[in-house]
């Protein structure tokens, strides 16, 4: 009797393993990527285009292999990497990835990569980092899936680089207003970790001011210390504070600051300078010039305007390296347009910011040691809506004390909780560079 039971159990286990093996067949083989093309749909959205661009740049960064990008209207060939939905037969999968899922598999000589929203970048990242290996002078596929089974993204705990994006003056209602006006989707809504941020400065805490300014808020995020309005990189007693860009530099990481504002603006200067007045523009510029002369900052970009995404792309691939990097990116004109109560301009600035966030999200998902944080320094304009959210308006020209949103994706972001103080960003970022010191 026992023998029959054991035999039945053995058959059941063997059958289960066989079914698993059949449904989850994996390849381990040599692959020649020369002659391959990256194919996207002729009607591909911006996210897919940015995913494909990051894919070919990261492929070259890791393996020095250059792949062309083509649309699916070109003549089909055997060797193709299909990103997103295309008109190729292999793209017509039976299963659909859900939130935080992607599909990655090989059919014949074709590689198929798809994903839910931004997570198509996770499929590209998995292919580049988990399934490609260069050894003995040849490229190999290892443990490569052959079925369209959706796979859930897993984020590493360790991170050595941070992309910190600030939408100056952007509150939650700014995002909703842009989507109400026609923005298809604020892409950071699909990030792994989402919450809100307390923005009050030391001036507000002590009752000297009604709300924070950009320098006090940026200094809090950059240094982990509350300070008075108009103070740049110093505490309330005017003592110099080491900021996160400096900590990253001292650890051997590359650093950069990118903004649509002037480089001496309140937010960028807080990541570069130390002064008790944001209005001393000449002194701030002298400090920045000294950083550049001493090669203590690797990338500076200012007043980039509509080139924000292009500059984001340039900065990321210039800064990325073995020892990691820190990059602060600011869209400054959400604040400026809101202070003017200019709805059209404000919405356009949110859209421009969203475009840069979209690009950065695909970079982060293809670099498993990178954390990406998207947030704001404060809210400007007191944007409100009616109960049905069919109408939005400004209620003030000033800043407010409303909590602002944060969105995070990539390595380590599970450590960020639902509601945080803006000083907590510094502690999170600092952990990326401590191991190199």
Protein backbone atom coordinates (compact mmCIF):
# COMPACT_ATOMS: atom_id res chain seq x y z
CA UNK A 1 0.00 0.00 0.00
CA UNK A 2 2.73 2.43 1.00
CA UNK A 3 4.64 1.56 -2.15
CA UNK A 4 1.63 2.49 -4.30
CA UNK A 5 1.24 5.79 -2.44
CA UNK A 6 4.92 6.65 -2.90
CA UNK A 7 4.69 5.69 -6.57
CA UNK A 8 1.63 7.91 -7.06
CA UNK A 9 3.36 10.83 -5.35
CA UNK A 10 6.44 10.34 -7.52
CA UNK A 11 4.31 10.36 -10.69
CA UNK A 12 2.47 13.50 -9.52
CA UNK A 13 5.72 15.33 -8.79
CA UNK A 14 7.23 14.22 -12.09
CA UNK A 15 4.13 15.33 -13.99
CA UNK A 16 4.13 18.71 -12.25
CA UNK A 17 7.79 19.26 -13.04
CA UNK A 18 7.19 18.25 -16.63
CA UNK A 19 4.27 20.68 -16.98
CA UNK A 20 6.30 23.48 -15.40
CA UNK A 21 9.21 22.71 -17.67
CA UNK A 22 6.98 22.70 -20.74
CA UNK A 23 5.24 25.97 -19.80
CA UNK A 24 8.39 27.69 -18.62
CA UNK A 25 10.97 26.38 -21.08
CA UNK A 26 14.22 28.34 -20.96
CA UNK A 27 17.05 28.71 -23.44
CA UNK A 28 20.77 28.74 -22.83
CA UNK A 29 22.51 29.35 -26.11
CA UNK A 30 24.95 31.52 -27.99
CA UNK A 31 23.40 34.50 -29.78
CA UNK A 32 24.85 36.71 -32.49
CA UNK A 33 23.25 40.16 -32.11
CA UNK A 34 24.86 41.53 -35.26
CA UNK A 35 22.16 42.12 -37.84
CA UNK A 36 19.43 42.53 -35.24
CA UNK A 37 17.09 45.52 -35.39
CA UNK A 38 14.95 47.01 -32.61
CA UNK A 39 11.40 47.27 -33.94
CA UNK A 40 8.65 49.51 -32.57
CA UNK A 41 5.22 50.30 -33.95
CA UNK A 42 4.86 53.12 -36.44
CA UNK A 43 2.19 54.40 -34.03
CA UNK A 44 4.30 53.88 -30.92
CA UNK A 45 3.68 56.27 -28.06
CA UNK A 46 6.38 58.42 -26.49
CA UNK A 47 6.97 55.93 -23.68
CA UNK A 48 7.75 53.12 -26.13
CA UNK A 49 10.04 55.40 -28.15
CA UNK A 50 11.93 56.40 -25.01
CA UNK A 51 12.10 52.76 -23.94
CA UNK A 52 13.64 51.77 -27.28
CA UNK A 53 16.10 54.67 -27.14
CA UNK A 54 17.23 53.71 -23.65
CA UNK A 55 17.46 50.09 -24.71
CA UNK A 56 19.90 50.72 -27.57
CA UNK A 57 21.94 53.19 -25.49
CA UNK A 58 22.18 50.76 -22.57
CA UNK A 59 23.04 47.89 -24.94
CA UNK A 60 25.96 49.92 -26.20
CA UNK A 61 26.88 51.06 -22.67
CA UNK A 62 27.05 47.46 -21.41
CA UNK A 63 28.25 45.50 -24.43
CA UNK A 64 29.46 48.05 -27.03
CA UNK A 65 26.87 46.71 -29.47
CA UNK A 66 25.05 49.23 -31.66
CA UNK A 67 21.53 48.31 -32.73
CA UNK A 68 19.35 50.39 -35.08
CA UNK A 69 15.73 51.30 -34.28
CA UNK A 70 13.16 50.83 -37.04
CA UNK A 71 9.38 50.97 -37.39
CA UNK A 72 7.26 47.91 -38.08
CA UNK A 73 6.41 49.31 -41.52
CA UNK A 74 9.87 48.21 -42.69
CA UNK A 75 10.31 44.83 -44.35
CA UNK A 76 10.30 42.09 -41.73
CA UNK A 77 13.48 40.15 -41.09
CA UNK A 78 14.29 37.16 -38.87
CA UNK A 79 16.52 38.96 -36.37
CA UNK A 80 14.29 41.47 -34.56
CA UNK A 81 13.83 42.70 -31.01
CA UNK A 82 10.16 43.74 -30.75
CA UNK A 83 9.53 46.40 -28.10
CA UNK A 84 5.89 47.09 -27.25
CA UNK A 85 3.02 46.04 -29.51
CA UNK A 86 4.02 45.78 -33.17
CA UNK A 87 2.35 44.31 -36.27
CA UNK A 88 4.63 41.26 -36.11
CA UNK A 89 2.90 37.95 -35.43
CA UNK A 90 5.12 37.31 -32.40
CA UNK A 91 3.81 40.50 -30.74
CA UNK A 92 0.23 39.20 -30.70
CA UNK A 93 0.48 37.58 -27.27
CA UNK A 94 -2.40 35.76 -25.62
CA UNK A 95 -1.67 37.10 -22.14
CA UNK A 96 -1.69 40.71 -20.97
CA UNK A 97 0.74 42.01 -18.32
CA UNK A 98 -0.88 43.62 -15.29
CA UNK A 99 0.52 46.39 -13.09
CA UNK A 100 4.27 46.03 -12.50
CA UNK A 101 4.47 43.16 -15.00
CA UNK A 102 6.29 42.60 -18.26
CA UNK A 103 6.66 39.89 -20.89
CA UNK A 104 10.00 38.78 -22.26
CA UNK A 105 10.50 35.71 -24.44
CA UNK A 106 12.22 34.38 -27.54
CA UNK A 107 10.40 32.92 -30.55
CA UNK A 108 12.74 31.67 -33.26
CA UNK A 109 15.21 34.51 -33.78
CA UNK A 110 12.83 37.17 -32.45
CA UNK A 111 12.95 38.67 -28.95
CA UNK A 112 9.60 39.99 -27.71
CA UNK A 113 9.48 42.61 -24.93
CA UNK A 114 6.21 44.10 -23.67
CA UNK A 115 4.96 45.55 -20.42
CA UNK A 116 2.18 47.29 -18.56
CA UNK A 117 2.75 51.04 -19.03
CA UNK A 118 6.31 51.97 -17.98
CA UNK A 119 7.16 48.36 -17.13
CA UNK A 120 8.04 47.58 -20.73
CA UNK A 121 11.34 49.09 -19.54
CA UNK A 122 11.52 46.31 -16.94
CA UNK A 123 11.40 43.72 -19.71
CA UNK A 124 14.24 45.49 -21.50
CA UNK A 125 16.16 45.69 -18.22
CA UNK A 126 15.66 41.99 -17.54
CA UNK A 127 16.94 41.09 -21.02
CA UNK A 128 20.01 43.32 -20.70
CA UNK A 129 20.93 42.50 -17.11
CA UNK A 130 19.62 38.98 -16.44
CA UNK A 131 19.61 37.11 -19.72
CA UNK A 132 22.56 38.44 -21.72
CA UNK A 133 26.10 37.47 -20.84
CA UNK A 134 29.36 38.12 -22.68
CA UNK A 135 31.95 35.42 -22.04
CA UNK A 136 34.76 33.77 -23.95
CA UNK A 137 34.48 36.46 -26.60
CA UNK A 138 30.87 35.56 -27.43
CA UNK A 139 27.37 36.70 -26.41
CA UNK A 140 25.17 34.16 -24.70
CA UNK A 141 21.50 33.95 -23.74
CA UNK A 142 21.08 32.44 -20.30
CA UNK A 143 17.86 31.13 -18.81
CA UNK A 144 15.88 32.94 -21.55
CA UNK A 145 12.07 32.44 -21.42
CA UNK A 146 10.29 31.03 -24.47
CA UNK A 147 6.67 31.72 -23.43
CA UNK A 148 4.66 34.92 -23.03
CA UNK A 149 4.13 34.40 -19.30
CA UNK A 150 3.79 37.81 -17.55
CA UNK A 151 6.52 38.38 -14.97
CA UNK A 152 6.43 40.74 -12.01
CA UNK A 153 9.26 43.24 -11.59
CA UNK A 154 11.47 42.83 -8.54
CA UNK A 155 13.42 45.82 -7.27
CA UNK A 156 16.82 45.37 -5.67
CA UNK A 157 17.43 46.80 -2.20
CA UNK A 158 20.89 48.19 -2.93
CA UNK A 159 21.28 51.33 -4.99
CA UNK A 160 24.33 53.39 -5.85
CA UNK A 161 22.77 56.16 -7.97
CA UNK A 162 19.86 58.57 -7.51
CA UNK A 163 17.91 60.63 -10.02
CA UNK A 164 16.07 63.32 -8.05
CA UNK A 165 13.45 65.22 -10.05
CA UNK A 166 11.76 68.36 -8.70
CA UNK A 167 8.70 69.97 -10.26
CA UNK A 168 8.98 73.40 -8.66
CA UNK A 169 5.58 74.46 -7.35
CA UNK A 170 3.79 71.27 -8.47
CA UNK A 171 1.01 70.03 -6.23
CA UNK A 172 -1.25 67.05 -6.76
CA UNK A 173 -3.90 69.31 -8.29
CA UNK A 174 -1.43 70.56 -10.89
CA UNK A 175 -1.14 66.98 -12.13
CA UNK A 176 -4.91 66.49 -12.11
CA UNK A 177 -5.40 69.81 -13.91
CA UNK A 178 -3.01 68.76 -16.68
CA UNK A 179 -4.78 65.41 -17.08
CA UNK A 180 -8.16 67.17 -17.08
CA UNK A 181 -6.88 69.41 -19.86
CA UNK A 182 -5.77 66.50 -22.02
CA UNK A 183 -2.50 65.04 -20.71
CA UNK A 184 -3.00 61.34 -21.35
CA UNK A 185 -1.35 60.16 -18.14
CA UNK A 186 1.15 61.49 -15.63
CA UNK A 187 3.51 58.56 -15.91
CA UNK A 188 4.81 58.66 -12.33
CA UNK A 189 1.36 57.56 -11.14
CA UNK A 190 2.48 54.05 -12.17
CA UNK A 191 5.57 54.10 -9.95
CA UNK A 192 6.11 51.53 -7.22
CA UNK A 193 6.13 53.87 -4.20
CA UNK A 194 3.77 56.86 -3.93
CA UNK A 195 3.13 59.29 -1.07
CA UNK A 196 3.08 62.90 0.06
CA UNK A 197 5.68 65.31 1.40
CA UNK A 198 5.56 67.93 4.19
CA UNK A 199 7.23 71.12 2.95
CA UNK A 200 7.21 73.67 5.80
CA UNK A 201 10.50 75.49 6.31
CA UNK A 202 12.04 76.52 9.63
CA UNK A 203 10.65 79.98 8.98
CA UNK A 204 7.12 78.53 8.88
CA UNK A 205 7.72 76.32 11.91
CA UNK A 206 8.84 79.32 13.97
CA UNK A 207 6.03 81.50 12.65
CA UNK A 208 8.15 84.02 10.72
CA UNK A 209 6.70 83.13 7.33
CA UNK A 210 3.41 81.72 6.08
CA UNK A 211 5.00 79.21 3.68
CA UNK A 212 8.37 77.92 2.51
CA UNK A 213 10.35 79.29 -0.41
CA UNK A 214 12.29 77.16 -2.89
CA UNK A 215 15.71 77.57 -1.26
CA UNK A 216 14.57 76.47 2.20
CA UNK A 217 12.69 73.50 0.78
CA UNK A 218 15.49 72.47 -1.61
CA UNK A 219 18.06 72.85 1.18
CA UNK A 220 15.95 70.57 3.40
CA UNK A 221 15.81 67.92 0.67
CA UNK A 222 19.49 68.32 -0.20
CA UNK A 223 20.87 68.37 3.35
CA UNK A 224 18.27 66.82 5.65
CA UNK A 225 18.06 70.01 7.73
CA UNK A 226 15.28 72.61 7.95
CA UNK A 227 16.38 76.19 7.44
CA UNK A 228 15.04 79.72 7.02
CA UNK A 229 13.56 81.05 3.81
CA UNK A 230 16.16 82.46 1.38
CA UNK A 231 18.99 80.45 3.01
CA UNK A 232 20.97 78.34 0.56
CA UNK A 233 22.78 75.26 1.86
CA UNK A 234 23.15 76.61 5.41
CA UNK A 235 21.14 75.98 8.57
CA UNK A 236 19.20 78.58 10.54
CA UNK A 237 22.43 79.60 12.29
CA UNK A 238 24.16 80.08 8.92
CA UNK A 239 26.32 77.01 9.44
CA UNK A 240 27.39 75.31 6.22
CA UNK A 241 25.56 72.04 5.51
CA UNK A 242 27.02 69.24 3.41
CA UNK A 243 24.53 68.52 0.63
CA UNK A 244 23.79 65.22 -1.08
CA UNK A 245 25.58 66.22 -4.29
CA UNK A 246 28.75 66.91 -2.29
CA UNK A 247 28.42 63.61 -0.43
CA UNK A 248 28.05 61.78 -3.74
CA UNK A 249 31.11 63.58 -5.14
CA UNK A 250 33.21 62.73 -2.07
CA UNK A 251 32.24 59.06 -2.48
CA UNK A 252 33.63 59.02 -6.01
CA UNK A 253 30.30 59.24 -7.80
CA UNK A 254 29.68 61.63 -10.66
CA UNK A 255 27.27 64.50 -10.02
CA UNK A 256 25.07 66.84 -12.02
CA UNK A 257 22.45 69.55 -11.74
CA UNK A 258 19.97 70.26 -14.54
CA UNK A 259 17.27 72.93 -14.55
CA UNK A 260 14.99 74.98 -16.76
CA UNK A 261 15.82 77.92 -14.46
CA UNK A 262 19.07 79.90 -14.26
CA UNK A 263 21.77 77.90 -12.46
CA UNK A 264 21.72 80.38 -9.55
CA UNK A 265 17.98 79.84 -9.06
CA UNK A 266 16.69 78.84 -5.64
CA UNK A 267 16.51 75.09 -6.24
CA UNK A 268 19.69 74.40 -8.26
CA UNK A 269 21.83 76.66 -6.08
CA UNK A 270 20.76 74.70 -2.99
CA UNK A 271 22.51 71.64 -4.47
CA UNK A 272 25.62 73.66 -5.35
CA UNK A 273 26.14 76.57 -2.95
CA UNK A 274 26.26 77.76 0.65
CA UNK A 275 25.02 81.28 1.38
CA UNK A 276 22.55 83.01 3.70
CA UNK A 277 20.81 84.90 0.89
CA UNK A 278 19.46 83.58 -2.40
CA UNK A 279 19.52 87.15 -3.73
CA UNK A 280 23.34 87.37 -3.82
CA UNK A 281 23.43 86.07 -7.37
CA UNK A 282 27.01 87.10 -8.11
CA UNK A 283 28.32 85.30 -5.02
CA UNK A 284 26.33 82.20 -5.89
CA UNK A 285 27.76 82.25 -9.41
CA UNK A 286 31.29 82.58 -8.05
CA UNK A 287 30.79 79.46 -5.92
CA UNK A 288 29.45 77.55 -8.91
CA UNK A 289 32.34 78.70 -11.10
CA UNK A 290 34.75 77.44 -8.46
CA UNK A 291 33.07 74.02 -8.43
CA UNK A 292 33.44 73.80 -12.19
CA UNK A 293 37.07 74.96 -12.12
CA UNK A 294 37.91 72.36 -9.47
CA UNK A 295 36.00 69.64 -11.34
CA UNK A 296 33.75 69.03 -8.35
CA UNK A 297 30.62 68.78 -10.51
CA UNK A 298 30.45 66.78 -13.72
CA UNK A 299 27.35 68.13 -15.45
CA UNK A 300 25.58 71.49 -15.30
CA UNK A 301 22.64 72.43 -17.47
CA UNK A 302 20.50 75.53 -17.05
CA UNK A 303 17.69 77.34 -18.89
CA UNK A 304 17.18 74.25 -21.04
CA UNK A 305 13.47 74.95 -21.59
CA UNK A 306 11.90 72.58 -24.11
CA UNK A 307 15.17 70.65 -24.28
CA UNK A 308 14.61 69.26 -20.77
CA UNK A 309 14.14 65.67 -21.95
CA UNK A 310 17.04 65.89 -24.40
CA UNK A 311 19.26 67.27 -21.62
CA UNK A 312 18.03 64.58 -19.21
CA UNK A 313 19.08 61.93 -21.74
CA UNK A 314 22.49 63.54 -22.17
CA UNK A 315 23.10 63.94 -18.44
CA UNK A 316 22.12 60.38 -17.55
CA UNK A 317 24.41 58.70 -20.05
CA UNK A 318 27.26 61.09 -19.34
CA UNK A 319 27.09 60.60 -15.57
CA UNK A 320 26.40 56.87 -15.33
CA UNK A 321 29.51 54.94 -14.33
CA UNK A 322 31.00 52.26 -12.13
CA UNK A 323 30.88 54.40 -8.95
CA UNK A 324 27.35 55.64 -9.49
CA UNK A 325 26.01 59.16 -9.84
CA UNK A 326 23.67 61.79 -8.40
CA UNK A 327 21.57 63.97 -10.70
CA UNK A 328 19.09 66.62 -9.66
CA UNK A 329 16.65 67.68 -12.41
CA UNK A 330 14.29 70.64 -11.96
CA UNK A 331 11.35 71.86 -14.00
CA UNK A 332 11.26 75.40 -12.58
CA UNK A 333 8.48 77.01 -14.58
CA UNK A 334 5.48 75.23 -13.04
CA UNK A 335 6.10 77.55 -10.11
CA UNK A 336 6.64 80.65 -12.23
CA UNK A 337 3.56 80.08 -14.38
CA UNK A 338 1.40 79.30 -11.34
CA UNK A 339 2.52 82.54 -9.66
CA UNK A 340 1.19 84.30 -12.77
CA UNK A 341 -2.05 82.25 -12.60
CA UNK A 342 -1.34 81.30 -16.19
CA UNK A 343 -3.17 78.00 -16.57
CA UNK A 344 -2.10 77.24 -20.14
CA UNK A 345 1.58 77.80 -19.41
CA UNK A 346 1.38 75.89 -16.12
CA UNK A 347 -0.14 72.85 -17.82
CA UNK A 348 2.46 72.96 -20.59
CA UNK A 349 5.22 72.93 -17.97
CA UNK A 350 3.67 69.90 -16.21
CA UNK A 351 3.55 68.16 -19.60
CA UNK A 352 7.20 69.02 -20.24
CA UNK A 353 8.14 67.70 -16.80
CA UNK A 354 6.15 64.51 -17.42
CA UNK A 355 8.05 63.94 -20.67
CA UNK A 356 11.41 64.09 -18.87
CA UNK A 357 10.06 61.82 -16.11
CA UNK A 358 8.98 59.31 -18.76
CA UNK A 359 12.49 59.19 -20.19
CA UNK A 360 14.12 58.91 -16.77
CA UNK A 361 11.75 56.08 -15.77
CA UNK A 362 12.94 53.93 -18.67
CA UNK A 363 16.57 54.61 -17.79
CA UNK A 364 15.96 53.61 -14.16
CA UNK A 365 14.18 50.39 -15.12
CA UNK A 366 17.15 49.33 -17.26
CA UNK A 367 19.70 50.12 -14.54
CA UNK A 368 18.87 48.00 -11.47
CA UNK A 369 21.11 50.00 -9.10
CA UNK A 370 19.34 53.33 -9.75
CA UNK A 371 16.58 54.95 -7.67
CA UNK A 372 14.34 57.57 -9.27
CA UNK A 373 12.37 60.05 -7.15
CA UNK A 374 9.84 62.50 -8.62
CA UNK A 375 8.50 65.20 -6.33
CA UNK A 376 8.10 68.96 -5.75
CA UNK A 377 9.55 71.51 -3.37
CA UNK A 378 6.18 73.12 -2.54
CA UNK A 379 2.81 73.92 -4.09
CA UNK A 380 2.21 77.25 -5.83
CA UNK A 381 -1.09 78.86 -6.73
CA UNK A 382 -3.46 76.97 -4.46
CA UNK A 383 -4.87 75.03 -7.40
CA UNK A 384 -8.37 73.77 -6.61
CA UNK A 385 -11.21 72.07 -8.46
CA UNK A 386 -14.95 71.73 -8.11
CA UNK A 387 -16.33 68.57 -6.57
CA UNK A 388 -16.80 66.87 -9.95
CA UNK A 389 -13.24 67.79 -10.97
CA UNK A 390 -14.50 69.34 -14.19
CA UNK A 391 -13.02 72.76 -13.50
CA UNK A 392 -9.70 73.93 -12.03
CA UNK A 393 -8.57 77.36 -10.90
CA UNK A 394 -5.85 79.21 -9.00
CA UNK A 395 -6.75 80.70 -5.63
CA UNK A 396 -3.51 82.60 -4.95
CA UNK A 397 -0.30 83.80 -6.56
CA UNK A 398 1.72 82.59 -3.58
CA UNK A 399 3.16 79.32 -2.36
CA UNK A 400 1.02 77.21 0.00
CA UNK A 401 1.62 74.66 2.76
CA UNK A 402 -0.28 71.87 1.02
CA UNK A 403 1.58 68.54 1.01
CA UNK A 404 3.09 67.78 -2.37
CA UNK A 405 3.24 64.32 -3.99
CA UNK A 406 6.23 62.07 -4.38
CA UNK A 407 6.62 59.08 -6.68
CA UNK A 408 9.55 56.66 -6.56
CA UNK A 409 10.69 53.68 -8.58
CA UNK A 410 13.80 51.54 -8.76
CA UNK A 411 16.22 50.11 -6.26
CA UNK A 412 15.50 50.68 -2.58
CA UNK A 413 12.36 52.82 -2.94
CA UNK A 414 10.28 50.52 -0.75
CA UNK A 415 12.04 52.33 2.14
CA UNK A 416 10.05 55.50 1.39
CA UNK A 417 6.79 55.60 3.34
CA UNK A 418 3.42 57.11 2.45
CA UNK A 419 3.83 60.53 4.14
CA UNK A 420 7.28 61.91 4.80
CA UNK A 421 9.00 65.14 5.70
CA UNK A 422 11.10 66.64 2.93
CA UNK A 423 14.25 66.19 5.06
CA UNK A 424 13.85 62.40 4.76
CA UNK A 425 14.84 62.44 1.11
CA UNK A 426 18.40 63.29 2.17
CA UNK A 427 18.68 60.21 4.39
CA UNK A 428 17.38 57.99 1.59
CA UNK A 429 19.77 59.43 -0.99
CA UNK A 430 22.77 59.35 1.36
CA UNK A 431 22.58 55.57 1.68
CA UNK A 432 23.52 55.25 -1.99
CA UNK A 433 26.96 56.76 -1.37
CA UNK A 434 27.88 55.66 2.15
CA UNK A 435 29.48 52.37 1.04
CA UNK A 436 31.95 54.25 -1.18
CA UNK A 437 33.22 56.54 1.59
